[in-house]
PDB file of N, CA and C in Angstrom:
ATOM      1  N   MET A   1       4.863  34.877  12.061  1.00  0.00           N
ATOM      2  CA  MET A   1       4.715  34.860  10.629  1.00  0.00           C
ATOM      3  C   MET A   1       3.401  35.526  10.240  1.00  0.00           C
ATOM      4  N   LYS A   2       3.367  36.104   9.087  1.00  0.00           N
ATOM      5  CA  LYS A   2       2.188  36.797   8.598  1.00  0.00           C
ATOM      6  C   LYS A   2       1.339  35.834   7.763  1.00  0.00           C
ATOM      7  N   THR A   3       0.040  35.908   7.923  1.00  0.00           N
ATOM      8  CA  THR A   3      -0.841  35.034   7.148  1.00  0.00           C
ATOM      9  C   THR A   3      -1.130  35.634   5.780  1.00  0.00           C
ATOM     10  N   LYS A   4      -1.497  34.767   4.858  1.00  0.00           N
ATOM     11  CA  LYS A   4      -1.905  35.176   3.520  1.00  0.00           C
ATOM     12  C   LYS A   4      -3.316  34.671   3.283  1.00  0.00           C
ATOM     13  N   ARG A   5      -4.007  35.271   2.323  1.00  0.00           N
ATOM     14  CA  ARG A   5      -5.346  34.838   1.970  1.00  0.00           C
ATOM     15  C   ARG A   5      -5.249  33.969   0.716  1.00  0.00           C
ATOM     16  N   ALA A   6      -5.860  32.795   0.743  1.00  0.00           N
ATOM     17  CA  ALA A   6      -5.779  31.840  -0.368  1.00  0.00           C
ATOM     18  C   ALA A   6      -6.570  32.349  -1.568  1.00  0.00           C
ATOM     19  N   GLY A   7      -5.923  32.345  -2.725  1.00  0.00           N
ATOM     20  CA  GLY A   7      -6.587  32.731  -3.964  1.00  0.00           C
ATOM     21  C   GLY A   7      -7.177  31.537  -4.692  1.00  0.00           C
ATOM     22  N   LYS A   8      -6.763  30.339  -4.289  1.00  0.00           N
ATOM     23  CA  LYS A   8      -7.308  29.105  -4.830  1.00  0.00           C
ATOM     24  C   LYS A   8      -7.208  28.028  -3.749  1.00  0.00           C
ATOM     25  N   ARG A   9      -7.637  26.838  -4.052  1.00  0.00           N
ATOM     26  CA  ARG A   9      -7.638  25.761  -3.062  1.00  0.00           C
ATOM     27  C   ARG A   9      -6.244  25.141  -2.945  1.00  0.00           C
ATOM     28  N   TYR A  10      -5.774  24.962  -1.711  1.00  0.00           N
ATOM     29  CA  TYR A  10      -4.489  24.332  -1.417  1.00  0.00           C
ATOM     30  C   TYR A  10      -4.693  23.188  -0.441  1.00  0.00           C
ATOM     31  N   GLN A  11      -3.652  22.411  -0.216  1.00  0.00           N
ATOM     32  CA  GLN A  11      -3.671  21.329   0.767  1.00  0.00           C
ATOM     33  C   GLN A  11      -2.761  21.715   1.922  1.00  0.00           C
ATOM     34  N   CYS A  12      -3.242  21.570   3.159  1.00  0.00           N
ATOM     35  CA  CYS A  12      -2.450  21.900   4.347  1.00  0.00           C
ATOM     36  C   CYS A  12      -1.378  20.833   4.540  1.00  0.00           C
ATOM     37  N   ARG A  13      -0.152  21.252   4.748  1.00  0.00           N
ATOM     38  CA  ARG A  13       0.958  20.327   4.953  1.00  0.00           C
ATOM     39  C   ARG A  13       0.925  19.713   6.353  1.00  0.00           C
ATOM     40  N   GLY A  14       0.307  20.393   7.321  1.00  0.00           N
ATOM     41  CA  GLY A  14       0.287  19.919   8.695  1.00  0.00           C
ATOM     42  C   GLY A  14      -0.787  18.881   8.976  1.00  0.00           C
ATOM     43  N   CYS A  15      -2.014  19.125   8.501  1.00  0.00           N
ATOM     44  CA  CYS A  15      -3.128  18.234   8.846  1.00  0.00           C
ATOM     45  C   CYS A  15      -3.776  17.589   7.626  1.00  0.00           C
ATOM     46  N   ASP A  16      -3.286  17.834   6.422  1.00  0.00           N
ATOM     47  CA  ASP A  16      -3.804  17.278   5.162  1.00  0.00           C
ATOM     48  C   ASP A  16      -5.248  17.658   4.858  1.00  0.00           C
ATOM     49  N   ALA A  17      -5.770  18.663   5.528  1.00  0.00           N
ATOM     50  CA  ALA A  17      -7.114  19.164   5.223  1.00  0.00           C
ATOM     51  C   ALA A  17      -7.000  20.236   4.135  1.00  0.00           C
ATOM     52  N   PRO A  18      -8.037  20.424   3.335  1.00  0.00           N
ATOM     53  CA  PRO A  18      -7.957  21.449   2.286  1.00  0.00           C
ATOM     54  C   PRO A  18      -8.008  22.861   2.864  1.00  0.00           C
ATOM     55  N   ILE A  19      -7.280  23.768   2.252  1.00  0.00           N
ATOM     56  CA  ILE A  19      -7.356  25.203   2.555  1.00  0.00           C
ATOM     57  C   ILE A  19      -8.215  25.797   1.443  1.00  0.00           C
ATOM     58  N   GLU A  20      -9.408  26.215   1.792  1.00  0.00           N
ATOM     59  CA  GLU A  20     -10.351  26.706   0.787  1.00  0.00           C
ATOM     60  C   GLU A  20     -10.007  28.130   0.352  1.00  0.00           C
ATOM     61  N   LYS A  21     -10.506  28.501  -0.809  1.00  0.00           N
ATOM     62  CA  LYS A  21     -10.308  29.851  -1.331  1.00  0.00           C
ATOM     63  C   LYS A  21     -10.895  30.866  -0.361  1.00  0.00           C
ATOM     64  N   GLY A  22     -10.099  31.870   0.017  1.00  0.00           N
ATOM     65  CA  GLY A  22     -10.540  32.895   0.948  1.00  0.00           C
ATOM     66  C   GLY A  22     -10.093  32.659   2.382  1.00  0.00           C
ATOM     67  N   ASP A  23      -9.593  31.447   2.698  1.00  0.00           N
ATOM     68  CA  ASP A  23      -9.102  31.158   4.047  1.00  0.00           C
ATOM     69  C   ASP A  23      -7.708  31.738   4.235  1.00  0.00           C
ATOM     70  N   ASP A  24      -7.340  31.983   5.497  1.00  0.00           N
ATOM     71  CA  ASP A  24      -5.995  32.447   5.815  1.00  0.00           C
ATOM     72  C   ASP A  24      -5.072  31.248   5.998  1.00  0.00           C
ATOM     73  N   TYR A  25      -3.813  31.405   5.565  1.00  0.00           N
ATOM     74  CA  TYR A  25      -2.837  30.326   5.696  1.00  0.00           C
ATOM     75  C   TYR A  25      -1.443  30.909   5.851  1.00  0.00           C
ATOM     76  N   TYR A  26      -0.523  30.081   6.332  1.00  0.00           N
ATOM     77  CA  TYR A  26       0.893  30.440   6.423  1.00  0.00           C
ATOM     78  C   TYR A  26       1.627  29.766   5.276  1.00  0.00           C
ATOM     79  N   ALA A  27       2.630  30.433   4.715  1.00  0.00           N
ATOM     80  CA  ALA A  27       3.478  29.845   3.689  1.00  0.00           C
ATOM     81  C   ALA A  27       4.893  29.747   4.238  1.00  0.00           C
ATOM     82  N   ARG A  28       5.475  28.568   4.133  1.00  0.00           N
ATOM     83  CA  ARG A  28       6.837  28.330   4.630  1.00  0.00           C
ATOM     84  C   ARG A  28       7.642  27.771   3.470  1.00  0.00           C
ATOM     85  N   SER A  29       8.753  28.409   3.119  1.00  0.00           N
ATOM     86  CA  SER A  29       9.569  27.931   2.005  1.00  0.00           C
ATOM     87  C   SER A  29      10.815  27.218   2.525  1.00  0.00           C
ATOM     88  N   VAL A  30      11.219  26.186   1.800  1.00  0.00           N
ATOM     89  CA  VAL A  30      12.405  25.397   2.132  1.00  0.00           C
ATOM     90  C   VAL A  30      13.284  25.371   0.889  1.00  0.00           C
ATOM     91  N   SER A  31      14.559  25.726   1.061  1.00  0.00           N
ATOM     92  CA  SER A  31      15.502  25.713  -0.047  1.00  0.00           C
ATOM     93  C   SER A  31      16.354  24.455   0.010  1.00  0.00           C
ATOM     94  N   VAL A  32      16.565  23.844  -1.138  1.00  0.00           N
ATOM     95  CA  VAL A  32      17.465  22.702  -1.270  1.00  0.00           C
ATOM     96  C   VAL A  32      18.567  23.137  -2.217  1.00  0.00           C
ATOM     97  N   GLY A  33      19.791  23.170  -1.730  1.00  0.00           N
ATOM     98  CA  GLY A  33      20.899  23.666  -2.535  1.00  0.00           C
ATOM     99  C   GLY A  33      20.914  25.183  -2.550  1.00  0.00           C
ATOM    100  N   SER A  34      21.344  25.757  -3.653  1.00  0.00           N
ATOM    101  CA  SER A  34      21.387  27.212  -3.841  1.00  0.00           C
ATOM    102  C   SER A  34      20.503  27.579  -5.029  1.00  0.00           C
ATOM    103  N   PRO A  35      19.222  27.902  -4.781  1.00  0.00           N
ATOM    104  CA  PRO A  35      18.305  28.141  -5.888  1.00  0.00           C
ATOM    105  C   PRO A  35      18.682  29.332  -6.771  1.00  0.00           C
ATOM    106  N   GLY A  36      19.391  30.292  -6.244  1.00  0.00           N
ATOM    107  CA  GLY A  36      19.751  31.460  -7.036  1.00  0.00           C
ATOM    108  C   GLY A  36      20.983  31.264  -7.898  1.00  0.00           C
ATOM    109  N   LYS A  37      21.684  30.153  -7.726  1.00  0.00           N
ATOM    110  CA  LYS A  37      22.937  29.935  -8.444  1.00  0.00           C
ATOM    111  C   LYS A  37      22.690  29.148  -9.728  1.00  0.00           C
ATOM    112  N   GLU A  38      23.077  29.729 -10.842  1.00  0.00           N
ATOM    113  CA  GLU A  38      22.999  29.076 -12.150  1.00  0.00           C
ATOM    114  C   GLU A  38      24.331  29.245 -12.854  1.00  0.00           C
ATOM    115  N   THR A  39      24.779  28.210 -13.548  1.00  0.00           N
ATOM    116  CA  THR A  39      26.008  28.296 -14.328  1.00  0.00           C
ATOM    117  C   THR A  39      25.734  27.798 -15.743  1.00  0.00           C
ATOM    118  N   TRP A  40      26.552  28.278 -16.666  1.00  0.00           N
ATOM    119  CA  TRP A  40      26.454  27.859 -18.063  1.00  0.00           C
ATOM    120  C   TRP A  40      27.519  26.814 -18.332  1.00  0.00           C
ATOM    121  N   ASP A  41      27.152  25.798 -19.080  1.00  0.00           N
ATOM    122  CA  ASP A  41      28.070  24.727 -19.438  1.00  0.00           C
ATOM    123  C   ASP A  41      27.839  24.407 -20.913  1.00  0.00           C
ATOM    124  N   ARG A  42      28.796  23.736 -21.525  1.00  0.00           N
ATOM    125  CA  ARG A  42      28.626  23.314 -22.922  1.00  0.00           C
ATOM    126  C   ARG A  42      28.579  21.796 -22.968  1.00  0.00           C
ATOM    127  N   SER A  43      27.511  21.273 -23.568  1.00  0.00           N
ATOM    128  CA  SER A  43      27.345  19.837 -23.727  1.00  0.00           C
ATOM    129  C   SER A  43      27.163  19.555 -25.213  1.00  0.00           C
ATOM    130  N   SER A  44      28.102  18.853 -25.799  1.00  0.00           N
ATOM    131  CA  SER A  44      28.084  18.526 -27.239  1.00  0.00           C
ATOM    132  C   SER A  44      28.022  19.786 -28.100  1.00  0.00           C
ATOM    133  N   GLY A  45      28.655  20.858 -27.634  1.00  0.00           N
ATOM    134  CA  GLY A  45      28.697  22.096 -28.389  1.00  0.00           C
ATOM    135  C   GLY A  45      27.511  23.019 -28.176  1.00  0.00           C
ATOM    136  N   TYR A  46      26.509  22.603 -27.397  1.00  0.00           N
ATOM    137  CA  TYR A  46      25.331  23.412 -27.136  1.00  0.00           C
ATOM    138  C   TYR A  46      25.406  23.986 -25.725  1.00  0.00           C
ATOM    139  N   PRO A  47      25.037  25.252 -25.549  1.00  0.00           N
ATOM    140  CA  PRO A  47      25.034  25.819 -24.188  1.00  0.00           C
ATOM    141  C   PRO A  47      23.902  25.225 -23.348  1.00  0.00           C
ATOM    142  N   VAL A  48      24.216  24.912 -22.102  1.00  0.00           N
ATOM    143  CA  VAL A  48      23.259  24.313 -21.177  1.00  0.00           C
ATOM    144  C   VAL A  48      23.307  25.099 -19.869  1.00  0.00           C
ATOM    145  N   VAL A  49      22.133  25.408 -19.292  1.00  0.00           N
ATOM    146  CA  VAL A  49      22.051  26.080 -18.003  1.00  0.00           C
ATOM    147  C   VAL A  49      21.956  25.005 -16.923  1.00  0.00           C
ATOM    148  N   VAL A  50      22.854  25.072 -15.931  1.00  0.00           N
ATOM    149  CA  VAL A  50      22.842  24.135 -14.815  1.00  0.00           C
ATOM    150  C   VAL A  50      22.326  24.875 -13.589  1.00  0.00           C
ATOM    151  N   VAL A  51      21.215  24.400 -13.018  1.00  0.00           N
ATOM    152  CA  VAL A  51      20.612  25.003 -11.832  1.00  0.00           C
ATOM    153  C   VAL A  51      21.081  24.201 -10.623  1.00  0.00           C
ATOM    154  N   HIS A  52      21.571  24.886  -9.577  1.00  0.00           N
ATOM    155  CA  HIS A  52      22.188  24.218  -8.438  1.00  0.00           C
ATOM    156  C   HIS A  52      21.281  24.088  -7.225  1.00  0.00           C
ATOM    157  N   GLY A  53      19.980  24.193  -7.392  1.00  0.00           N
ATOM    158  CA  GLY A  53      19.063  24.043  -6.271  1.00  0.00           C
ATOM    159  C   GLY A  53      17.652  24.399  -6.675  1.00  0.00           C
ATOM    160  N   PHE A  54      16.727  24.207  -5.744  1.00  0.00           N
ATOM    161  CA  PHE A  54      15.334  24.576  -5.981  1.00  0.00           C
ATOM    162  C   PHE A  54      14.684  24.949  -4.659  1.00  0.00           C
ATOM    163  N   ARG A  55      13.494  25.543  -4.731  1.00  0.00           N
ATOM    164  CA  ARG A  55      12.767  26.019  -3.557  1.00  0.00           C
ATOM    165  C   ARG A  55      11.365  25.403  -3.562  1.00  0.00           C
ATOM    166  N   MET A  56      10.940  24.932  -2.388  1.00  0.00           N
ATOM    167  CA  MET A  56       9.596  24.373  -2.229  1.00  0.00           C
ATOM    168  C   MET A  56       8.836  25.250  -1.231  1.00  0.00           C
ATOM    169  N   VAL A  57       7.555  25.493  -1.498  1.00  0.00           N
ATOM    170  CA  VAL A  57       6.732  26.296  -0.603  1.00  0.00           C
ATOM    171  C   VAL A  57       5.654  25.397  -0.017  1.00  0.00           C
ATOM    172  N   TYR A  58       5.617  25.296   1.318  1.00  0.00           N
ATOM    173  CA  TYR A  58       4.611  24.517   2.028  1.00  0.00           C
ATOM    174  C   TYR A  58       3.577  25.468   2.603  1.00  0.00           C
ATOM    175  N   LYS A  59       2.315  25.059   2.571  1.00  0.00           N
ATOM    176  CA  LYS A  59       1.223  25.888   3.070  1.00  0.00           C
ATOM    177  C   LYS A  59       0.571  25.199   4.260  1.00  0.00           C
ATOM    178  N   PHE A  60       0.254  25.993   5.319  1.00  0.00           N
ATOM    179  CA  PHE A  60      -0.355  25.493   6.542  1.00  0.00           C
ATOM    180  C   PHE A  60      -1.580  26.333   6.872  1.00  0.00           C
ATOM    181  N   HIS A  61      -2.596  25.709   7.496  1.00  0.00           N
ATOM    182  CA  HIS A  61      -3.754  26.451   8.006  1.00  0.00           C
ATOM    183  C   HIS A  61      -3.282  27.495   9.000  1.00  0.00           C
ATOM    184  N   ALA A  62      -4.060  28.541   9.161  1.00  0.00           N
ATOM    185  CA  ALA A  62      -3.735  29.553  10.162  1.00  0.00           C
ATOM    186  C   ALA A  62      -3.856  28.979  11.571  1.00  0.00           C
ATOM    187  N   GLY A  63      -4.673  27.947  11.765  1.00  0.00           N
ATOM    188  CA  GLY A  63      -4.849  27.327  13.066  1.00  0.00           C
ATOM    189  C   GLY A  63      -3.825  26.246  13.392  1.00  0.00           C
ATOM    190  N   CYS A  64      -3.139  25.719  12.387  1.00  0.00           N
ATOM    191  CA  CYS A  64      -2.138  24.668  12.622  1.00  0.00           C
ATOM    192  C   CYS A  64      -0.892  25.255  13.253  1.00  0.00           C
ATOM    193  N   VAL A  65      -0.234  24.472  14.072  1.00  0.00           N
ATOM    194  CA  VAL A  65       1.017  24.917  14.700  1.00  0.00           C
ATOM    195  C   VAL A  65       2.143  24.708  13.695  1.00  0.00           C
ATOM    196  N   VAL A  66       2.884  25.779  13.405  1.00  0.00           N
ATOM    197  CA  VAL A  66       3.980  25.709  12.447  1.00  0.00           C
ATOM    198  C   VAL A  66       5.286  25.806  13.226  1.00  0.00           C
ATOM    199  N   ALA A  67       6.112  24.764  13.123  1.00  0.00           N
ATOM    200  CA  ALA A  67       7.424  24.788  13.795  1.00  0.00           C
ATOM    201  C   ALA A  67       8.358  25.728  13.063  1.00  0.00           C
ATOM    202  N   SER A  68       9.142  26.478  13.787  1.00  0.00           N
ATOM    203  CA  SER A  68      10.062  27.449  13.176  1.00  0.00           C
ATOM    204  C   SER A  68      11.208  26.773  12.499  1.00  0.00           C
TER     205      SER A  68
END
């Protein structure tokens, strides 16, 4: 995986230590459901957008071991 440079302060998901601005880190995303899928529905005559999933991004220190 390729590292990124932190533009602000984050929390490491692996060791709970802070990732300071300017440090290198890994970003790992996890999808729940189908984040790209949206459908339109009508509720009480009003159009409603139904989202069928979401995506979470976890950040890890460059030194932490990240499981694939």
